[in-house]
Amino acid sequence: MNSLRPLIPLFLLLQAACSGVSDTRPEPVRKSEYYLEHGVSAFENSDYVAAADFLRKALAHYRSIDDTTGVLLSRINLAETALAAGNFKAALEQIEEAERIADGEPYHEYRPRLALLRAQTHWRAEEGEKALALLQPLLPNFESDGRSSERPTLLQLGAVTLRTAIAFARDDDERQEARLWLQRLALMLPRTEGRTALHHARLLRFEAQLAAHEEAPQTALEKFDQALQLYREGAARPAIAATLTESGKLLMQLGRWEEAAEQLQRALYIRLWIMDRPGAAELLQPLQIVYRQLGDEERLEQINSEANRLTHGR
């Protein structure tokens, strides 16, 4: 549900002054940026183990030269990586360390981003009330027609995306809250500078969920497929897995068990590939249901073994 692009690419700001010219800076500076850059590359490739390793090295090197900005960026990026991998405790630890730095006058500009990151972490850790409280100051004001009062920023777009996800997750038969926030997000997206196809894909997933609720499953499946195409073009592995999961669960509701199994199994493969243990664990129960419906004892045994491995850390 993390629609805001990670803050990780900010390492480019550190390198901008050096592009196109011979880099004569001291080796410790270049080494620090080397590790940060490789952490970025690994993160964007959903290789969170390698990303965390590079980013920890970047953090150590920045600390060794007392570069506070580098330390702050390294900690934010480590938090993003931990969140993506489903390690919420580690994410919050890095956020807390980053917040201590951001409390200082030169770094106040990072505080809203850290508040959103903390909200995203609490939401994924199923602490919805904490997430809502953190989100409230980050949301723009809206006019009666659903448009934001000011030109939205990417951070505000991320906040509204998370708020929309929370609205969809609430138990509301009429989906009034979800409709409200979906309308606001749909009006906000075209006005946001820096938006990407991935933001549009997230909107499509919300629209698919609403269509499914309104008993328009074919429309929902088409929108899920459109979102998948955009995510695949961006090689956004976690988002691909999330979309396959949502689509697979809809197929379960329709009794299309073989198609559901195929989509959910693809989602599980991705979650295991990126070593997202909580994300993988969430897929096991629906897969168990599907394989029981299909009478596929061999696959059911495999899923049960996977559940045991994830539960006991083997």
C-alpha atoms as a PDB file:
ATOM      1  CA  MET A   1       0.000   0.000   0.000  1.00  0.00           C
ATOM      2  CA  ASN A   2       3.026   2.237  -0.061  1.00  0.00           C
ATOM      3  CA  SER A   3       2.263   4.508  -2.962  1.00  0.00           C
ATOM      4  CA  LEU A   4       4.841   7.153  -2.215  1.00  0.00           C
ATOM      5  CA  ARG A   5       8.156   6.370  -3.816  1.00  0.00           C
ATOM      6  CA  PRO A   6      10.720   5.518  -1.125  1.00  0.00           C
ATOM      7  CA  LEU A   7      13.024   8.278   0.031  1.00  0.00           C
ATOM      8  CA  ILE A   8      15.942   6.036  -0.855  1.00  0.00           C
ATOM      9  CA  PRO A   9      16.752   7.783  -4.182  1.00  0.00           C
ATOM     10  CA  LEU A  10      17.782  10.904  -2.255  1.00  0.00           C
ATOM     11  CA  PHE A  11      21.362   9.702  -2.521  1.00  0.00           C
ATOM     12  CA  LEU A  12      21.247  11.325  -5.958  1.00  0.00           C
ATOM     13  CA  LEU A  13      21.116  14.699  -4.243  1.00  0.00           C
ATOM     14  CA  LEU A  14      24.424  13.929  -2.610  1.00  0.00           C
ATOM     15  CA  GLN A  15      26.041  13.070  -5.918  1.00  0.00           C
ATOM     16  CA  ALA A  16      24.580  15.833  -8.049  1.00  0.00           C
ATOM     17  CA  ALA A  17      27.423  18.249  -7.396  1.00  0.00           C
ATOM     18  CA  CYS A  18      29.930  15.716  -8.672  1.00  0.00           C
ATOM     19  CA  SER A  19      28.289  14.542 -11.879  1.00  0.00           C
ATOM     20  CA  GLY A  20      30.247  15.086 -15.058  1.00  0.00           C
ATOM     21  CA  VAL A  21      33.477  16.098 -13.270  1.00  0.00           C
ATOM     22  CA  SER A  22      36.379  14.238 -11.748  1.00  0.00           C
ATOM     23  CA  ASP A  23      35.525  13.214  -8.204  1.00  0.00           C
ATOM     24  CA  THR A  24      38.308  14.523  -5.982  1.00  0.00           C
ATOM     25  CA  ARG A  25      36.481  14.158  -2.692  1.00  0.00           C
ATOM     26  CA  PRO A  26      38.066  12.148   0.137  1.00  0.00           C
ATOM     27  CA  GLU A  27      37.696   8.375  -0.116  1.00  0.00           C
ATOM     28  CA  PRO A  28      35.519   8.061   3.025  1.00  0.00           C
ATOM     29  CA  VAL A  29      32.930  10.340   1.413  1.00  0.00           C
ATOM     30  CA  ARG A  30      32.983   8.412  -1.863  1.00  0.00           C
ATOM     31  CA  LYS A  31      32.842   5.097   0.022  1.00  0.00           C
ATOM     32  CA  SER A  32      29.791   6.195   1.996  1.00  0.00           C
ATOM     33  CA  GLU A  33      27.937   7.179  -1.158  1.00  0.00           C
ATOM     34  CA  TYR A  34      29.038   3.977  -2.882  1.00  0.00           C
ATOM     35  CA  TYR A  35      27.300   1.887  -0.214  1.00  0.00           C
ATOM     36  CA  LEU A  36      24.220   4.104  -0.261  1.00  0.00           C
ATOM     37  CA  GLU A  37      23.988   3.879  -4.046  1.00  0.00           C
ATOM     38  CA  HIS A  38      24.261   0.099  -4.006  1.00  0.00           C
ATOM     39  CA  GLY A  39      21.676  -0.057  -1.244  1.00  0.00           C
ATOM     40  CA  VAL A  40      19.344   1.911  -3.504  1.00  0.00           C
ATOM     41  CA  SER A  41      19.949  -0.437  -6.398  1.00  0.00           C
ATOM     42  CA  ALA A  42      19.278  -3.515  -4.284  1.00  0.00           C
ATOM     43  CA  PHE A  43      16.146  -1.967  -2.787  1.00  0.00           C
ATOM     44  CA  GLU A  44      14.731  -1.104  -6.202  1.00  0.00           C
ATOM     45  CA  ASN A  45      15.379  -4.720  -7.204  1.00  0.00           C
ATOM     46  CA  SER A  46      13.450  -5.881  -4.105  1.00  0.00           C
ATOM     47  CA  ASP A  47      16.618  -7.523  -2.751  1.00  0.00           C
ATOM     48  CA  TYR A  48      16.049  -6.353   0.799  1.00  0.00           C
ATOM     49  CA  VAL A  49      18.764  -8.472   2.401  1.00  0.00           C
ATOM     50  CA  ALA A  50      21.447  -6.961   0.177  1.00  0.00           C
ATOM     51  CA  ALA A  51      19.895  -3.503   0.506  1.00  0.00           C
ATOM     52  CA  ALA A  52      20.006  -3.662   4.287  1.00  0.00           C
ATOM     53  CA  ASP A  53      23.631  -4.841   4.208  1.00  0.00           C
ATOM     54  CA  PHE A  54      24.745  -1.985   1.956  1.00  0.00           C
ATOM     55  CA  LEU A  55      22.722   0.576   3.900  1.00  0.00           C
ATOM     56  CA  ARG A  56      24.147  -0.550   7.250  1.00  0.00           C
ATOM     57  CA  LYS A  57      27.615  -0.078   5.770  1.00  0.00           C
ATOM     58  CA  ALA A  58      26.600   3.346   4.485  1.00  0.00           C
ATOM     59  CA  LEU A  59      25.342   4.249   7.960  1.00  0.00           C
ATOM     60  CA  ALA A  60      28.596   3.128   9.583  1.00  0.00           C
ATOM     61  CA  HIS A  61      30.702   5.073   7.093  1.00  0.00           C
ATOM     62  CA  TYR A  62      28.637   8.248   7.435  1.00  0.00           C
ATOM     63  CA  ARG A  63      28.892   7.994  11.209  1.00  0.00           C
ATOM     64  CA  SER A  64      32.662   7.601  10.908  1.00  0.00           C
ATOM     65  CA  ILE A  65      32.932  11.000   9.196  1.00  0.00           C
ATOM     66  CA  ASP A  66      30.222  12.629  11.349  1.00  0.00           C
ATOM     67  CA  ASP A  67      27.997  13.303   8.314  1.00  0.00           C
ATOM     68  CA  THR A  68      24.616  13.869   9.953  1.00  0.00           C
ATOM     69  CA  THR A  69      22.693  14.163   6.690  1.00  0.00           C
ATOM     70  CA  GLY A  70      24.164  10.888   5.471  1.00  0.00           C
ATOM     71  CA  VAL A  71      23.309   9.205   8.772  1.00  0.00           C
ATOM     72  CA  LEU A  72      19.725  10.486   8.561  1.00  0.00           C
ATOM     73  CA  LEU A  73      19.262   9.303   4.979  1.00  0.00           C
ATOM     74  CA  SER A  74      20.789   5.930   5.776  1.00  0.00           C
ATOM     75  CA  ARG A  75      18.415   5.420   8.694  1.00  0.00           C
ATOM     76  CA  ILE A  76      15.357   6.460   6.683  1.00  0.00           C
ATOM     77  CA  ASN A  77      16.379   4.105   3.905  1.00  0.00           C
ATOM     78  CA  LEU A  78      16.968   1.271   6.372  1.00  0.00           C
ATOM     79  CA  ALA A  79      13.482   1.881   7.762  1.00  0.00           C
ATOM     80  CA  GLU A  80      11.996   1.764   4.246  1.00  0.00           C
ATOM     81  CA  THR A  81      13.825  -1.496   3.594  1.00  0.00           C
ATOM     82  CA  ALA A  82      12.719  -3.089   6.862  1.00  0.00           C
ATOM     83  CA  LEU A  83       9.111  -2.065   6.199  1.00  0.00           C
ATOM     84  CA  ALA A  84       9.192  -3.518   2.693  1.00  0.00           C
ATOM     85  CA  ALA A  85      10.523  -6.789   4.105  1.00  0.00           C
ATOM     86  CA  GLY A  86       7.817  -6.896   6.769  1.00  0.00           C
ATOM     87  CA  ASN A  87      10.187  -6.316   9.697  1.00  0.00           C
ATOM     88  CA  PHE A  88       8.110  -3.695  11.492  1.00  0.00           C
ATOM     89  CA  LYS A  89      10.124  -3.689  14.719  1.00  0.00           C
ATOM     90  CA  ALA A  90      13.347  -2.886  12.851  1.00  0.00           C
ATOM     91  CA  ALA A  91      11.548  -0.234  10.798  1.00  0.00           C
ATOM     92  CA  LEU A  92      10.305   1.547  13.929  1.00  0.00           C
ATOM     93  CA  GLU A  93      13.747   1.393  15.526  1.00  0.00           C
ATOM     94  CA  GLN A  94      15.306   3.134  12.524  1.00  0.00           C
ATOM     95  CA  ILE A  95      12.468   5.663  12.377  1.00  0.00           C
ATOM     96  CA  GLU A  96      13.009   6.577  16.032  1.00  0.00           C
ATOM     97  CA  GLU A  97      16.720   7.139  15.450  1.00  0.00           C
ATOM     98  CA  ALA A  98      15.955   9.255  12.376  1.00  0.00           C
ATOM     99  CA  GLU A  99      13.351  11.287  14.282  1.00  0.00           C
ATOM    100  CA  ARG A 100      15.952  12.235  16.893  1.00  0.00           C
ATOM    101  CA  ILE A 101      18.035  13.775  14.107  1.00  0.00           C
ATOM    102  CA  ALA A 102      15.036  15.372  12.374  1.00  0.00           C
ATOM    103  CA  ASP A 103      14.138  17.164  15.604  1.00  0.00           C
ATOM    104  CA  GLY A 104      17.179  19.340  14.960  1.00  0.00           C
ATOM    105  CA  GLU A 105      16.567  22.632  13.178  1.00  0.00           C
ATOM    106  CA  PRO A 106      18.424  21.856   9.911  1.00  0.00           C
ATOM    107  CA  TYR A 107      16.452  18.639   9.357  1.00  0.00           C
ATOM    108  CA  HIS A 108      12.833  19.624  10.056  1.00  0.00           C
ATOM    109  CA  GLU A 109      11.956  19.108   6.384  1.00  0.00           C
ATOM    110  CA  TYR A 110      12.247  15.342   6.926  1.00  0.00           C
ATOM    111  CA  ARG A 111       9.703  15.196   9.750  1.00  0.00           C
ATOM    112  CA  PRO A 112       6.563  14.861   7.574  1.00  0.00           C
ATOM    113  CA  ARG A 113       8.181  12.049   5.593  1.00  0.00           C
ATOM    114  CA  LEU A 114       9.090  10.269   8.806  1.00  0.00           C
ATOM    115  CA  ALA A 115       5.555  10.720  10.126  1.00  0.00           C
ATOM    116  CA  LEU A 116       4.163   9.111   6.967  1.00  0.00           C
ATOM    117  CA  LEU A 117       6.691   6.298   7.161  1.00  0.00           C
ATOM    118  CA  ARG A 118       5.734   5.678  10.795  1.00  0.00           C
ATOM    119  CA  ALA A 119       2.039   5.692   9.825  1.00  0.00           C
ATOM    120  CA  GLN A 120       2.699   3.190   7.028  1.00  0.00           C
ATOM    121  CA  THR A 121       4.561   0.940   9.463  1.00  0.00           C
ATOM    122  CA  HIS A 122       1.796   1.038  12.071  1.00  0.00           C
ATOM    123  CA  TRP A 123      -0.783   0.302   9.389  1.00  0.00           C
ATOM    124  CA  ARG A 124       1.070  -2.739   8.117  1.00  0.00           C
ATOM    125  CA  ALA A 125       1.536  -3.880  11.713  1.00  0.00           C
ATOM    126  CA  GLU A 126      -2.284  -3.733  12.089  1.00  0.00           C
ATOM    127  CA  GLU A 127      -2.229  -0.712  14.394  1.00  0.00           C
ATOM    128  CA  GLY A 128      -4.775   1.311  12.484  1.00  0.00           C
ATOM    129  CA  GLU A 129      -5.628   3.922  15.139  1.00  0.00           C
ATOM    130  CA  LYS A 130      -1.970   4.901  15.503  1.00  0.00           C
ATOM    131  CA  ALA A 131      -1.682   5.189  11.729  1.00  0.00           C
ATOM    132  CA  LEU A 132      -4.767   7.420  11.520  1.00  0.00           C
ATOM    133  CA  ALA A 133      -3.517   9.755  14.238  1.00  0.00           C
ATOM    134  CA  LEU A 134      -0.196  10.207  12.447  1.00  0.00           C
ATOM    135  CA  LEU A 135      -1.854  10.711   9.077  1.00  0.00           C
ATOM    136  CA  GLN A 136      -4.246  13.477  10.077  1.00  0.00           C
ATOM    137  CA  PRO A 137      -1.738  16.400  10.040  1.00  0.00           C
ATOM    138  CA  LEU A 138      -0.330  15.200   6.693  1.00  0.00           C
ATOM    139  CA  LEU A 139      -3.611  15.247   4.783  1.00  0.00           C
ATOM    140  CA  PRO A 140      -4.504  18.273   2.640  1.00  0.00           C
ATOM    141  CA  ASN A 141      -7.708  20.223   3.069  1.00  0.00           C
ATOM    142  CA  PHE A 142     -10.468  19.312   0.647  1.00  0.00           C
ATOM    143  CA  GLU A 143     -13.199  21.366  -1.004  1.00  0.00           C
ATOM    144  CA  SER A 144     -16.819  20.206  -1.072  1.00  0.00           C
ATOM    145  CA  ASP A 145     -16.322  18.745  -4.568  1.00  0.00           C
ATOM    146  CA  GLY A 146     -13.515  16.493  -3.300  1.00  0.00           C
ATOM    147  CA  ARG A 147     -10.615  18.491  -4.712  1.00  0.00           C
ATOM    148  CA  SER A 148      -7.681  19.386  -2.503  1.00  0.00           C
ATOM    149  CA  SER A 149      -7.505  23.065  -1.618  1.00  0.00           C
ATOM    150  CA  GLU A 150      -3.871  23.386  -2.677  1.00  0.00           C
ATOM    151  CA  ARG A 151      -1.745  21.741  -5.336  1.00  0.00           C
ATOM    152  CA  PRO A 152      -0.874  18.372  -3.769  1.00  0.00           C
ATOM    153  CA  THR A 153       2.632  17.119  -3.132  1.00  0.00           C
ATOM    154  CA  LEU A 154       3.860  13.569  -3.528  1.00  0.00           C
ATOM    155  CA  LEU A 155       3.935  13.215   0.233  1.00  0.00           C
ATOM    156  CA  GLN A 156       0.296  14.284   0.473  1.00  0.00           C
ATOM    157  CA  LEU A 157      -0.535  11.838  -2.310  1.00  0.00           C
ATOM    158  CA  GLY A 158       1.103   9.094  -0.264  1.00  0.00           C
ATOM    159  CA  ALA A 159      -0.846  10.136   2.823  1.00  0.00           C
ATOM    160  CA  VAL A 160      -4.176  10.148   0.958  1.00  0.00           C
ATOM    161  CA  THR A 161      -3.346   6.772  -0.612  1.00  0.00           C
ATOM    162  CA  LEU A 162      -2.802   5.278   2.838  1.00  0.00           C
ATOM    163  CA  ARG A 163      -5.948   6.964   4.170  1.00  0.00           C
ATOM    164  CA  THR A 164      -7.892   5.453   1.264  1.00  0.00           C
ATOM    165  CA  ALA A 165      -6.493   1.994   2.044  1.00  0.00           C
ATOM    166  CA  ILE A 166      -7.625   2.374   5.658  1.00  0.00           C
ATOM    167  CA  ALA A 167     -11.100   3.409   4.503  1.00  0.00           C
ATOM    168  CA  PHE A 168     -11.361   0.346   2.257  1.00  0.00           C
ATOM    169  CA  ALA A 169     -10.292  -1.948   5.094  1.00  0.00           C
ATOM    170  CA  ARG A 170     -13.033  -0.759   7.414  1.00  0.00           C
ATOM    171  CA  ASP A 171     -16.223  -2.777   7.801  1.00  0.00           C
ATOM    172  CA  ASP A 172     -18.715  -0.517   6.029  1.00  0.00           C
ATOM    173  CA  ASP A 173     -21.402  -2.221   3.973  1.00  0.00           C
ATOM    174  CA  GLU A 174     -22.167   0.935   2.010  1.00  0.00           C
ATOM    175  CA  ARG A 175     -18.510   1.787   1.471  1.00  0.00           C
ATOM    176  CA  GLN A 176     -19.316   5.480   1.929  1.00  0.00           C
ATOM    177  CA  GLU A 177     -15.969   6.305   3.528  1.00  0.00           C
ATOM    178  CA  ALA A 178     -14.112   4.329   0.861  1.00  0.00           C
ATOM    179  CA  ARG A 179     -16.006   6.121  -1.925  1.00  0.00           C
ATOM    180  CA  LEU A 180     -15.203   9.499  -0.400  1.00  0.00           C
ATOM    181  CA  TRP A 181     -11.467   8.869  -0.179  1.00  0.00           C
ATOM    182  CA  LEU A 182     -11.323   7.179  -3.559  1.00  0.00           C
ATOM    183  CA  GLN A 183     -12.943  10.234  -5.136  1.00  0.00           C
ATOM    184  CA  ARG A 184     -10.448  12.516  -3.415  1.00  0.00           C
ATOM    185  CA  LEU A 185      -7.523  10.368  -4.532  1.00  0.00           C
ATOM    186  CA  ALA A 186      -8.784  10.187  -8.138  1.00  0.00           C
ATOM    187  CA  LEU A 187      -9.092  13.991  -8.305  1.00  0.00           C
ATOM    188  CA  MET A 188      -5.750  14.493  -6.598  1.00  0.00           C
ATOM    189  CA  LEU A 189      -3.621  12.194  -8.732  1.00  0.00           C
ATOM    190  CA  PRO A 190      -3.643  14.160 -12.031  1.00  0.00           C
ATOM    191  CA  ARG A 191      -2.713  17.365 -10.167  1.00  0.00           C
ATOM    192  CA  THR A 192       0.299  15.898  -8.384  1.00  0.00           C
ATOM    193  CA  GLU A 193       3.669  16.732  -9.896  1.00  0.00           C
ATOM    194  CA  GLY A 194       6.009  13.745 -10.000  1.00  0.00           C
ATOM    195  CA  ARG A 195       3.255  11.122 -10.079  1.00  0.00           C
ATOM    196  CA  THR A 196       4.129   7.875 -11.845  1.00  0.00           C
ATOM    197  CA  ALA A 197       2.353   4.974 -13.486  1.00  0.00           C
ATOM    198  CA  LEU A 198       2.666   3.116 -10.184  1.00  0.00           C
ATOM    199  CA  HIS A 199       0.444   5.704  -8.508  1.00  0.00           C
ATOM    200  CA  HIS A 200      -2.155   5.161 -11.238  1.00  0.00           C
ATOM    201  CA  ALA A 201      -1.890   1.406 -10.740  1.00  0.00           C
ATOM    202  CA  ARG A 202      -2.711   1.828  -7.038  1.00  0.00           C
ATOM    203  CA  LEU A 203      -5.790   3.851  -7.973  1.00  0.00           C
ATOM    204  CA  LEU A 204      -6.877   1.059 -10.325  1.00  0.00           C
ATOM    205  CA  ARG A 205      -6.638  -1.452  -7.495  1.00  0.00           C
ATOM    206  CA  PHE A 206      -8.930   0.653  -5.317  1.00  0.00           C
ATOM    207  CA  GLU A 207     -11.368   0.961  -8.211  1.00  0.00           C
ATOM    208  CA  ALA A 208     -11.222  -2.817  -8.663  1.00  0.00           C
ATOM    209  CA  GLN A 209     -12.030  -3.366  -4.993  1.00  0.00           C
ATOM    210  CA  LEU A 210     -15.026  -1.056  -5.230  1.00  0.00           C
ATOM    211  CA  ALA A 211     -16.230  -2.761  -8.419  1.00  0.00           C
ATOM    212  CA  ALA A 212     -15.998  -6.136  -6.673  1.00  0.00           C
ATOM    213  CA  HIS A 213     -18.079  -4.793  -3.795  1.00  0.00           C
ATOM    214  CA  GLU A 214     -20.672  -3.525  -6.272  1.00  0.00           C
ATOM    215  CA  GLU A 215     -20.941  -7.006  -7.772  1.00  0.00           C
ATOM    216  CA  ALA A 216     -19.186  -6.106 -10.986  1.00  0.00           C
ATOM    217  CA  PRO A 217     -16.494  -8.827 -10.857  1.00  0.00           C
ATOM    218  CA  GLN A 218     -15.530  -8.651 -14.522  1.00  0.00           C
ATOM    219  CA  THR A 219     -14.856  -4.925 -14.232  1.00  0.00           C
ATOM    220  CA  ALA A 220     -12.858  -5.589 -11.088  1.00  0.00           C
ATOM    221  CA  LEU A 221     -10.749  -8.286 -12.747  1.00  0.00           C
ATOM    222  CA  GLU A 222     -10.074  -6.041 -15.733  1.00  0.00           C
ATOM    223  CA  LYS A 223      -8.888  -3.234 -13.453  1.00  0.00           C
ATOM    224  CA  PHE A 224      -6.680  -5.635 -11.505  1.00  0.00           C
ATOM    225  CA  ASP A 225      -5.179  -6.753 -14.816  1.00  0.00           C
ATOM    226  CA  GLN A 226      -4.549  -3.147 -15.887  1.00  0.00           C
ATOM    227  CA  ALA A 227      -2.812  -2.479 -12.574  1.00  0.00           C
ATOM    228  CA  LEU A 228      -0.706  -5.620 -13.006  1.00  0.00           C
ATOM    229  CA  GLN A 229       0.496  -4.485 -16.416  1.00  0.00           C
ATOM    230  CA  LEU A 230       1.667  -1.162 -14.983  1.00  0.00           C
ATOM    231  CA  TYR A 231       3.366  -2.821 -12.027  1.00  0.00           C
ATOM    232  CA  ARG A 232       5.101  -5.331 -14.283  1.00  0.00           C
ATOM    233  CA  GLU A 233       6.453  -2.546 -16.463  1.00  0.00           C
ATOM    234  CA  GLY A 234       7.918  -0.985 -13.333  1.00  0.00           C
ATOM    235  CA  ALA A 235       9.085  -4.363 -11.961  1.00  0.00           C
ATOM    236  CA  ALA A 236       7.335  -3.466  -8.687  1.00  0.00           C
ATOM    237  CA  ARG A 237       7.463  -6.884  -7.066  1.00  0.00           C
ATOM    238  CA  PRO A 238       5.607  -6.162  -3.790  1.00  0.00           C
ATOM    239  CA  ALA A 239       2.817  -4.371  -5.660  1.00  0.00           C
ATOM    240  CA  ILE A 240       2.568  -7.206  -8.195  1.00  0.00           C
ATOM    241  CA  ALA A 241       2.184  -9.675  -5.332  1.00  0.00           C
ATOM    242  CA  ALA A 242      -0.461  -7.512  -3.645  1.00  0.00           C
ATOM    243  CA  THR A 243      -2.477  -7.236  -6.860  1.00  0.00           C
ATOM    244  CA  LEU A 244      -2.286 -10.967  -7.564  1.00  0.00           C
ATOM    245  CA  THR A 245      -3.476 -11.598  -4.005  1.00  0.00           C
ATOM    246  CA  GLU A 246      -6.447  -9.257  -4.329  1.00  0.00           C
ATOM    247  CA  SER A 247      -7.372 -10.705  -7.707  1.00  0.00           C
ATOM    248  CA  GLY A 248      -6.943 -14.256  -6.424  1.00  0.00           C
ATOM    249  CA  LYS A 249      -9.248 -13.644  -3.461  1.00  0.00           C
ATOM    250  CA  LEU A 250     -11.917 -12.272  -5.801  1.00  0.00           C
ATOM    251  CA  LEU A 251     -11.610 -15.396  -7.944  1.00  0.00           C
ATOM    252  CA  MET A 252     -12.120 -17.441  -4.782  1.00  0.00           C
ATOM    253  CA  GLN A 253     -15.375 -15.591  -4.111  1.00  0.00           C
ATOM    254  CA  LEU A 254     -16.457 -16.420  -7.663  1.00  0.00           C
ATOM    255  CA  GLY A 255     -15.662 -20.104  -7.159  1.00  0.00           C
ATOM    256  CA  ARG A 256     -13.014 -20.030  -9.887  1.00  0.00           C
ATOM    257  CA  TRP A 257     -10.677 -22.158  -7.810  1.00  0.00           C
ATOM    258  CA  GLU A 258      -8.048 -23.134 -10.380  1.00  0.00           C
ATOM    259  CA  GLU A 259      -7.538 -19.532 -11.482  1.00  0.00           C
ATOM    260  CA  ALA A 260      -7.436 -18.412  -7.860  1.00  0.00           C
ATOM    261  CA  ALA A 261      -4.793 -21.036  -7.045  1.00  0.00           C
ATOM    262  CA  GLU A 262      -2.635 -19.928  -9.950  1.00  0.00           C
ATOM    263  CA  GLN A 263      -2.752 -16.242  -8.962  1.00  0.00           C
ATOM    264  CA  LEU A 264      -2.199 -16.834  -5.264  1.00  0.00           C
ATOM    265  CA  GLN A 265       0.687 -19.210  -5.951  1.00  0.00           C
ATOM    266  CA  ARG A 266       2.363 -16.567  -8.120  1.00  0.00           C
ATOM    267  CA  ALA A 267       1.910 -14.036  -5.324  1.00  0.00           C
ATOM    268  CA  LEU A 268       3.446 -16.456  -2.811  1.00  0.00           C
ATOM    269  CA  TYR A 269       6.468 -17.018  -5.037  1.00  0.00           C
ATOM    270  CA  ILE A 270       7.100 -13.261  -5.150  1.00  0.00           C
ATOM    271  CA  ARG A 271       6.682 -12.827  -1.391  1.00  0.00           C
ATOM    272  CA  LEU A 272       9.148 -15.626  -0.755  1.00  0.00           C
ATOM    273  CA  TRP A 273      11.542 -14.233  -3.360  1.00  0.00           C
ATOM    274  CA  ILE A 274      11.679 -10.839  -1.651  1.00  0.00           C
ATOM    275  CA  MET A 275      11.790 -12.574   1.770  1.00  0.00           C
ATOM    276  CA  ASP A 276       8.620 -10.888   2.994  1.00  0.00           C
ATOM    277  CA  ARG A 277       7.670 -13.435   5.645  1.00  0.00           C
ATOM    278  CA  PRO A 278       4.505 -11.676   6.898  1.00  0.00           C
ATOM    279  CA  GLY A 279       3.304 -11.202   3.316  1.00  0.00           C
ATOM    280  CA  ALA A 280       3.970 -14.858   2.517  1.00  0.00           C
ATOM    281  CA  ALA A 281       2.260 -16.043   5.695  1.00  0.00           C
ATOM    282  CA  GLU A 282      -0.913 -14.112   4.814  1.00  0.00           C
ATOM    283  CA  LEU A 283      -1.228 -16.136   1.604  1.00  0.00           C
ATOM    284  CA  LEU A 284      -1.115 -19.555   3.218  1.00  0.00           C
ATOM    285  CA  GLN A 285      -4.661 -19.662   4.571  1.00  0.00           C
ATOM    286  CA  PRO A 286      -6.359 -18.737   1.250  1.00  0.00           C
ATOM    287  CA  LEU A 287      -4.144 -21.242  -0.555  1.00  0.00           C
ATOM    288  CA  GLN A 288      -5.110 -23.954   1.932  1.00  0.00           C
ATOM    289  CA  ILE A 289      -8.785 -23.196   1.268  1.00  0.00           C
ATOM    290  CA  VAL A 290      -8.266 -23.287  -2.496  1.00  0.00           C
ATOM    291  CA  TYR A 291      -6.413 -26.610  -2.526  1.00  0.00           C
ATOM    292  CA  ARG A 292      -9.013 -28.186  -0.240  1.00  0.00           C
ATOM    293  CA  GLN A 293     -11.691 -27.080  -2.688  1.00  0.00           C
ATOM    294  CA  LEU A 294      -9.700 -28.556  -5.554  1.00  0.00           C
ATOM    295  CA  GLY A 295      -8.979 -31.761  -3.649  1.00  0.00           C
ATOM    296  CA  ASP A 296      -5.287 -31.301  -4.388  1.00  0.00           C
ATOM    297  CA  GLU A 297      -3.738 -33.117  -1.437  1.00  0.00           C
ATOM    298  CA  GLU A 298      -0.175 -32.837  -2.745  1.00  0.00           C
ATOM    299  CA  ARG A 299      -0.314 -29.049  -3.063  1.00  0.00           C
ATOM    300  CA  LEU A 300      -2.122 -28.786   0.264  1.00  0.00           C
ATOM    301  CA  GLU A 301       0.672 -30.726   1.950  1.00  0.00           C
ATOM    302  CA  GLN A 302       3.245 -28.418   0.364  1.00  0.00           C
ATOM    303  CA  ILE A 303       1.418 -25.352   1.646  1.00  0.00           C
ATOM    304  CA  ASN A 304       1.117 -26.847   5.121  1.00  0.00           C
ATOM    305  CA  SER A 305       4.876 -27.517   5.104  1.00  0.00           C
ATOM    306  CA  GLU A 306       5.507 -23.919   4.027  1.00  0.00           C
ATOM    307  CA  ALA A 307       3.276 -22.694   6.838  1.00  0.00           C
ATOM    308  CA  ASN A 308       5.266 -24.756   9.332  1.00  0.00           C
ATOM    309  CA  ARG A 309       8.558 -23.420   7.961  1.00  0.00           C
ATOM    310  CA  LEU A 310       7.433 -19.805   8.171  1.00  0.00           C
ATOM    311  CA  THR A 311       5.963 -20.257  11.642  1.00  0.00           C
ATOM    312  CA  HIS A 312       9.062 -21.866  13.093  1.00  0.00           C
ATOM    313  CA  GLY A 313      11.625 -19.887  11.096  1.00  0.00           C
ATOM    314  CA  ARG A 314      13.126 -22.873   9.305  1.00  0.00           C
END
